[in-house]
Amino acid sequence: MAQYADEFIDRLHLVWGPGFLSPGGPEEVAEVCRGLNLDDANVLDIGCGTGGPSIALARDKGARVLGIDIEPQLLDRARMLADQAGVADRIEFRQVKPGPLAFDDNSFDVVFSKDALIHIPDKQALYADIRRVLKPGGALAASDWLAGEDADDDDAFQHYLSLVPLDYTMATAGQTAEVMRQAGFELVETRDRNAWYAELAPLEVARIEGPLREKIIEVSDAETYEKWLAIRRALAAAAQSGGLRPTHLRGYNPAGT
C-alpha cells in the first residue's frame, strides 16, 4: 500500500509548496548542501519524492541529479514539475525497489536526501551502501528526522508516534553519527535544526487550521482533515518538547577508497 497517496501529496504541497513533502523548501535544500560545490556534480537524491529538492539542486546548484523513490505516483509528479521548471534535461527520476542501492561503486559525487531516510529501518546497511556508491572524497549531505536523547520518556514525542500512520525508524544524533562512522565515513557532522523547526511548526499548524483548511478538505475530506490536524498539532508539540529533532547530516567517503 502506498504511503503517499495522491490526496496526501496534495495536502503536503499545500503546506510546503509544489515538489516538497517536508518543510523548508529550496532554502532548506541549500542549508543541507552548504559549503559543497555541486556545479556539474553527479548527485543521487534518495527518496526524491515529488522532486522539489532535486529541482532545487539542478536549478540553483547546477547539479546533475538522479532521483530515486519506491512509489511511482511520486515520480510522476516529480517529472511533471521538473519539466515545468525547465530542468528535466538535468534530472532523471527512477523507481527502485526497497533494499540495496542498484548502482556501481564510486558512482556519485554527492548523495543527498531530504527527510526520507527515516523510512529505512536498517541504518547500518543504509550508510554502508551510501558510502559504497560515493566516489572517493564524495559527500553525504542529508537531513533527517531524528529523536532526542530522552525521546523514550518524552510524552509529547510518544503521543506523536502513536498517531502517525507512516512507517518510521528514528535514531538519535549520537547513534546516527556512530553508525555513519562505523560505515566508514569521516568528518561526520550532525547539525541540530530543532530550534528552527520548533518555531516553524506552530505556524504550519496555524495555516492548516486557518487559511488552508478548506483547500485541504477539498483535496481530501473533513474526517481526513481533522485526523491530520491532530497529527500536525502533536508533531509541533514533539518538536517543541525536543523529542523530535530534525537534523542535518554530513560525512565524507575517505579519499583513495
Protein backbone atom coordinates (compact mmCIF):
# COMPACT_ATOMS: atom_id res chain seq x y z
CA MET A 1 0.00 0.00 0.00
CA ALA A 2 1.32 3.43 -0.94
CA GLN A 3 2.35 5.63 1.97
CA TYR A 4 1.93 8.75 -0.17
CA ALA A 5 -1.48 8.63 -1.84
CA ASP A 6 -2.34 11.38 -4.30
CA GLU A 7 -4.55 13.27 -1.84
CA PHE A 8 -1.79 13.12 0.80
CA ILE A 9 0.66 14.56 -1.73
CA ASP A 10 -1.83 17.34 -2.44
CA ARG A 11 -2.10 18.15 1.28
CA LEU A 12 1.66 18.32 1.73
CA HIS A 13 2.09 20.51 -1.35
CA LEU A 14 -0.50 22.94 0.02
CA VAL A 15 1.60 23.39 3.16
CA TRP A 16 5.14 23.28 1.73
CA GLY A 17 4.77 24.08 -1.95
CA PRO A 18 4.85 22.00 -5.14
CA GLY A 19 7.50 19.30 -5.05
CA PHE A 20 8.07 19.37 -1.28
CA LEU A 21 6.83 16.74 1.16
CA SER A 22 8.61 18.23 4.19
CA PRO A 23 9.38 21.75 5.42
CA GLY A 24 11.91 24.34 4.37
CA GLY A 25 11.69 24.42 0.59
CA PRO A 26 14.68 25.34 -1.59
CA GLU A 27 16.22 27.33 1.29
CA GLU A 28 16.50 24.18 3.41
CA VAL A 29 17.99 22.25 0.49
CA ALA A 30 20.65 24.96 0.24
CA GLU A 31 21.30 24.70 4.00
CA VAL A 32 21.77 20.93 3.78
CA CYS A 33 24.33 21.42 0.99
CA ARG A 34 26.06 24.44 2.49
CA GLY A 35 29.74 24.55 1.56
CA LEU A 36 29.53 21.96 -1.23
CA ASN A 37 30.29 22.84 -4.85
CA LEU A 38 27.62 20.96 -6.83
CA ASP A 39 28.20 22.56 -10.22
CA ASP A 40 28.01 19.67 -12.73
CA ALA A 41 28.29 17.19 -9.83
CA ASN A 42 26.56 13.82 -10.18
CA VAL A 43 24.10 13.72 -7.29
CA LEU A 44 21.93 10.83 -6.10
CA ASP A 45 18.76 12.02 -4.34
CA ILE A 46 17.47 9.18 -2.14
CA GLY A 47 13.74 9.35 -1.51
CA CYS A 48 13.29 12.17 -4.00
CA GLY A 49 9.51 12.29 -3.52
CA THR A 50 7.77 14.72 -5.84
CA GLY A 51 11.04 16.27 -6.93
CA GLY A 52 11.27 19.64 -5.22
CA PRO A 53 14.74 19.05 -3.73
CA SER A 54 16.08 17.52 -6.96
CA ILE A 55 14.78 20.52 -8.91
CA ALA A 56 16.44 22.92 -6.46
CA LEU A 57 19.75 21.04 -6.75
CA ALA A 58 19.66 21.20 -10.55
CA ARG A 59 18.29 24.73 -10.91
CA ASP A 60 20.07 26.51 -8.06
CA LYS A 61 23.26 24.46 -7.67
CA GLY A 62 23.94 23.28 -11.23
CA ALA A 63 23.91 19.59 -10.28
CA ARG A 64 23.05 16.62 -12.46
CA VAL A 65 20.59 14.62 -10.39
CA LEU A 66 19.31 11.06 -10.31
CA GLY A 67 16.28 10.99 -8.03
CA ILE A 68 15.04 7.63 -6.77
CA ASP A 69 11.91 6.61 -4.90
CA ILE A 70 9.80 3.49 -4.48
CA GLU A 71 6.34 4.91 -5.25
CA PRO A 72 5.52 5.65 -8.92
CA GLN A 73 2.89 8.33 -8.25
CA LEU A 74 5.56 10.46 -6.55
CA LEU A 75 7.82 10.19 -9.58
CA ASP A 76 5.00 11.10 -11.98
CA ARG A 77 4.59 14.39 -10.10
CA ALA A 78 8.36 14.91 -9.98
CA ARG A 79 8.76 14.55 -13.75
CA MET A 80 5.92 16.99 -14.40
CA LEU A 81 7.36 19.58 -12.02
CA ALA A 82 10.90 19.21 -13.39
CA ASP A 83 9.58 19.79 -16.89
CA GLN A 84 7.67 22.88 -15.72
CA ALA A 85 10.84 24.17 -14.01
CA GLY A 86 12.87 23.74 -17.20
CA VAL A 87 15.40 21.34 -15.68
CA ALA A 88 14.16 17.99 -17.00
CA ASP A 89 17.38 17.66 -19.03
CA ARG A 90 19.44 17.70 -15.80
CA ILE A 91 17.34 15.26 -13.76
CA GLU A 92 16.40 11.61 -14.15
CA PHE A 93 13.74 10.14 -11.86
CA ARG A 94 13.80 6.38 -11.41
CA GLN A 95 11.59 3.97 -9.47
CA VAL A 96 13.55 1.49 -7.34
CA LYS A 97 12.74 -1.37 -5.02
CA PRO A 98 13.46 -1.18 -1.28
CA GLY A 99 16.87 -2.58 -0.40
CA PRO A 100 20.46 -2.11 -1.52
CA LEU A 101 21.21 0.67 -3.99
CA ALA A 102 21.44 -0.76 -7.51
CA PHE A 103 24.45 1.31 -8.53
CA ASP A 104 28.13 0.55 -9.07
CA ASP A 105 30.74 1.50 -6.52
CA ASN A 106 32.10 5.07 -6.78
CA SER A 107 29.19 6.31 -8.93
CA PHE A 108 28.28 9.68 -7.38
CA ASP A 109 30.00 12.85 -6.24
CA VAL A 110 27.29 13.53 -3.65
CA VAL A 111 24.46 11.54 -2.11
CA PHE A 112 21.63 13.79 -0.95
CA SER A 113 18.42 13.06 0.91
CA LYS A 114 15.79 15.33 2.40
CA ASP A 115 13.82 13.81 5.28
CA ALA A 116 13.45 10.37 3.66
CA LEU A 117 16.00 8.20 5.49
CA ILE A 118 13.55 7.95 8.40
CA HIS A 119 11.62 5.38 6.32
CA ILE A 120 14.61 2.99 6.07
CA PRO A 121 14.88 0.68 9.11
CA ASP A 122 18.39 -0.80 8.68
CA LYS A 123 20.53 2.29 9.18
CA GLN A 124 23.83 0.39 9.30
CA ALA A 125 23.23 -1.19 5.88
CA LEU A 126 21.93 2.13 4.54
CA TYR A 127 25.02 4.18 5.39
CA ALA A 128 27.41 1.46 4.27
CA ASP A 129 25.63 1.32 0.93
CA ILE A 130 25.65 5.10 0.55
CA ARG A 131 29.41 5.20 1.17
CA ARG A 132 29.90 2.40 -1.36
CA VAL A 133 28.28 4.36 -4.20
CA LEU A 134 30.14 7.58 -3.38
CA LYS A 135 33.33 8.43 -5.24
CA PRO A 136 36.49 8.81 -3.12
CA GLY A 137 36.19 12.12 -1.31
CA GLY A 138 32.46 12.29 -2.09
CA ALA A 139 29.97 13.63 0.41
CA LEU A 140 26.72 12.55 2.01
CA ALA A 141 24.58 15.64 2.64
CA ALA A 142 21.17 14.89 4.13
CA SER A 143 18.51 16.00 6.51
CA ASP A 144 16.52 13.52 8.57
CA TRP A 145 14.01 13.38 11.39
CA LEU A 146 15.88 12.16 14.48
CA ALA A 147 14.82 11.51 18.04
CA GLY A 148 16.02 13.42 21.10
CA GLU A 149 18.24 11.66 23.62
CA ASP A 150 15.32 11.40 26.08
CA ALA A 151 12.64 10.67 23.47
CA ASP A 152 11.62 7.39 25.11
CA ASP A 153 10.45 9.36 28.15
CA ASP A 154 9.03 12.31 26.22
CA ASP A 155 5.22 12.16 26.42
CA ALA A 156 4.70 14.60 23.54
CA PHE A 157 7.00 12.62 21.27
CA GLN A 158 5.42 9.29 22.16
CA HIS A 159 1.95 10.75 21.58
CA TYR A 160 3.03 11.90 18.13
CA LEU A 161 4.36 8.43 17.26
CA SER A 162 1.06 6.89 18.38
CA LEU A 163 -0.81 9.00 15.82
CA VAL A 164 1.44 9.00 12.77
CA PRO A 165 0.38 6.46 10.09
CA LEU A 166 3.72 6.25 8.24
CA ASP A 167 6.50 3.72 8.88
CA TYR A 168 9.31 5.48 10.77
CA THR A 169 12.60 4.31 12.24
CA MET A 170 14.24 7.10 14.26
CA ALA A 171 17.64 7.16 15.90
CA THR A 172 19.31 9.87 17.98
CA ALA A 173 22.00 12.16 16.58
CA GLY A 174 24.65 10.31 18.56
CA GLN A 175 23.51 6.93 17.30
CA THR A 176 23.36 8.19 13.73
CA ALA A 177 26.86 9.66 13.85
CA GLU A 178 28.25 6.43 15.29
CA VAL A 179 26.61 4.30 12.60
CA MET A 180 27.98 6.62 9.92
CA ARG A 181 31.50 6.30 11.36
CA GLN A 182 31.14 2.50 11.54
CA ALA A 183 30.15 2.57 7.86
CA GLY A 184 33.49 4.26 7.10
CA PHE A 185 32.51 7.91 6.81
CA GLU A 186 34.96 10.51 8.03
CA LEU A 187 34.46 14.11 9.15
CA VAL A 188 30.98 13.16 10.34
CA GLU A 189 28.80 16.07 11.46
CA THR A 190 25.26 16.35 12.78
CA ARG A 191 23.68 19.79 12.85
CA ASP A 192 20.59 20.07 15.03
CA ARG A 193 17.69 22.02 13.44
CA ASN A 194 15.23 21.68 16.31
CA ALA A 195 15.21 25.37 17.24
CA TRP A 196 14.33 26.31 13.66
CA TYR A 197 11.53 23.79 13.36
CA ALA A 198 10.13 24.21 16.87
CA GLU A 199 9.42 27.82 15.86
CA LEU A 200 8.10 26.97 12.40
CA ALA A 201 5.84 24.03 13.29
CA PRO A 202 3.17 26.04 15.19
CA LEU A 203 2.98 28.44 12.24
CA GLU A 204 2.29 25.48 9.96
CA VAL A 205 -0.47 24.33 12.31
CA ALA A 206 -1.99 27.81 12.27
CA ARG A 207 -2.08 27.77 8.46
CA ILE A 208 -3.67 24.31 8.43
CA GLU A 209 -6.25 25.44 10.98
CA GLY A 210 -6.97 28.69 9.13
CA PRO A 211 -6.33 29.68 5.50
CA LEU A 212 -5.57 26.15 4.25
CA ARG A 213 -8.50 24.40 5.96
CA GLU A 214 -11.00 24.49 3.10
CA LYS A 215 -8.34 23.72 0.48
CA ILE A 216 -7.20 20.65 2.43
CA ILE A 217 -10.78 19.43 2.85
CA GLU A 218 -11.31 19.96 -0.88
CA VAL A 219 -8.44 17.62 -1.82
CA SER A 220 -9.28 15.08 0.92
CA ASP A 221 -12.34 15.23 3.19
CA ALA A 222 -13.37 16.62 6.58
CA GLU A 223 -12.55 13.45 8.53
CA THR A 224 -9.09 13.20 6.99
CA TYR A 225 -8.51 16.87 7.71
CA GLU A 226 -9.35 16.51 11.42
CA LYS A 227 -7.13 13.46 11.84
CA TRP A 228 -4.24 15.15 10.05
CA LEU A 229 -4.66 18.35 12.06
CA ALA A 230 -4.33 16.27 15.25
CA ILE A 231 -1.12 14.73 13.89
CA ARG A 232 0.30 18.14 12.94
CA ARG A 233 -0.52 19.53 16.39
CA ALA A 234 1.18 16.51 18.00
CA LEU A 235 4.22 16.91 15.73
CA ALA A 236 4.56 20.58 16.69
CA ALA A 237 4.36 19.65 20.38
CA ALA A 238 7.01 16.94 19.90
CA ALA A 239 9.33 19.44 18.22
CA GLN A 240 8.81 21.96 20.99
CA SER A 241 9.44 19.34 23.67
CA GLY A 242 12.70 18.35 21.97
CA GLY A 243 11.70 14.75 21.33
CA LEU A 244 11.58 15.29 17.58
CA ARG A 245 14.79 16.77 16.22
CA PRO A 246 15.23 17.49 12.52
CA THR A 247 18.95 17.23 11.87
CA HIS A 248 21.40 17.82 9.03
CA LEU A 249 23.90 15.04 8.40
CA ARG A 250 27.27 15.32 6.67
CA GLY A 251 30.01 12.77 6.11
CA TYR A 252 32.71 12.07 3.54
CA ASN A 253 33.95 8.93 1.84
CA PRO A 254 37.69 8.93 2.52
CA ALA A 255 39.79 9.89 -0.47
CA GLY A 256 41.54 6.94 -2.07
CA THR A 257 38.93 4.37 -1.09
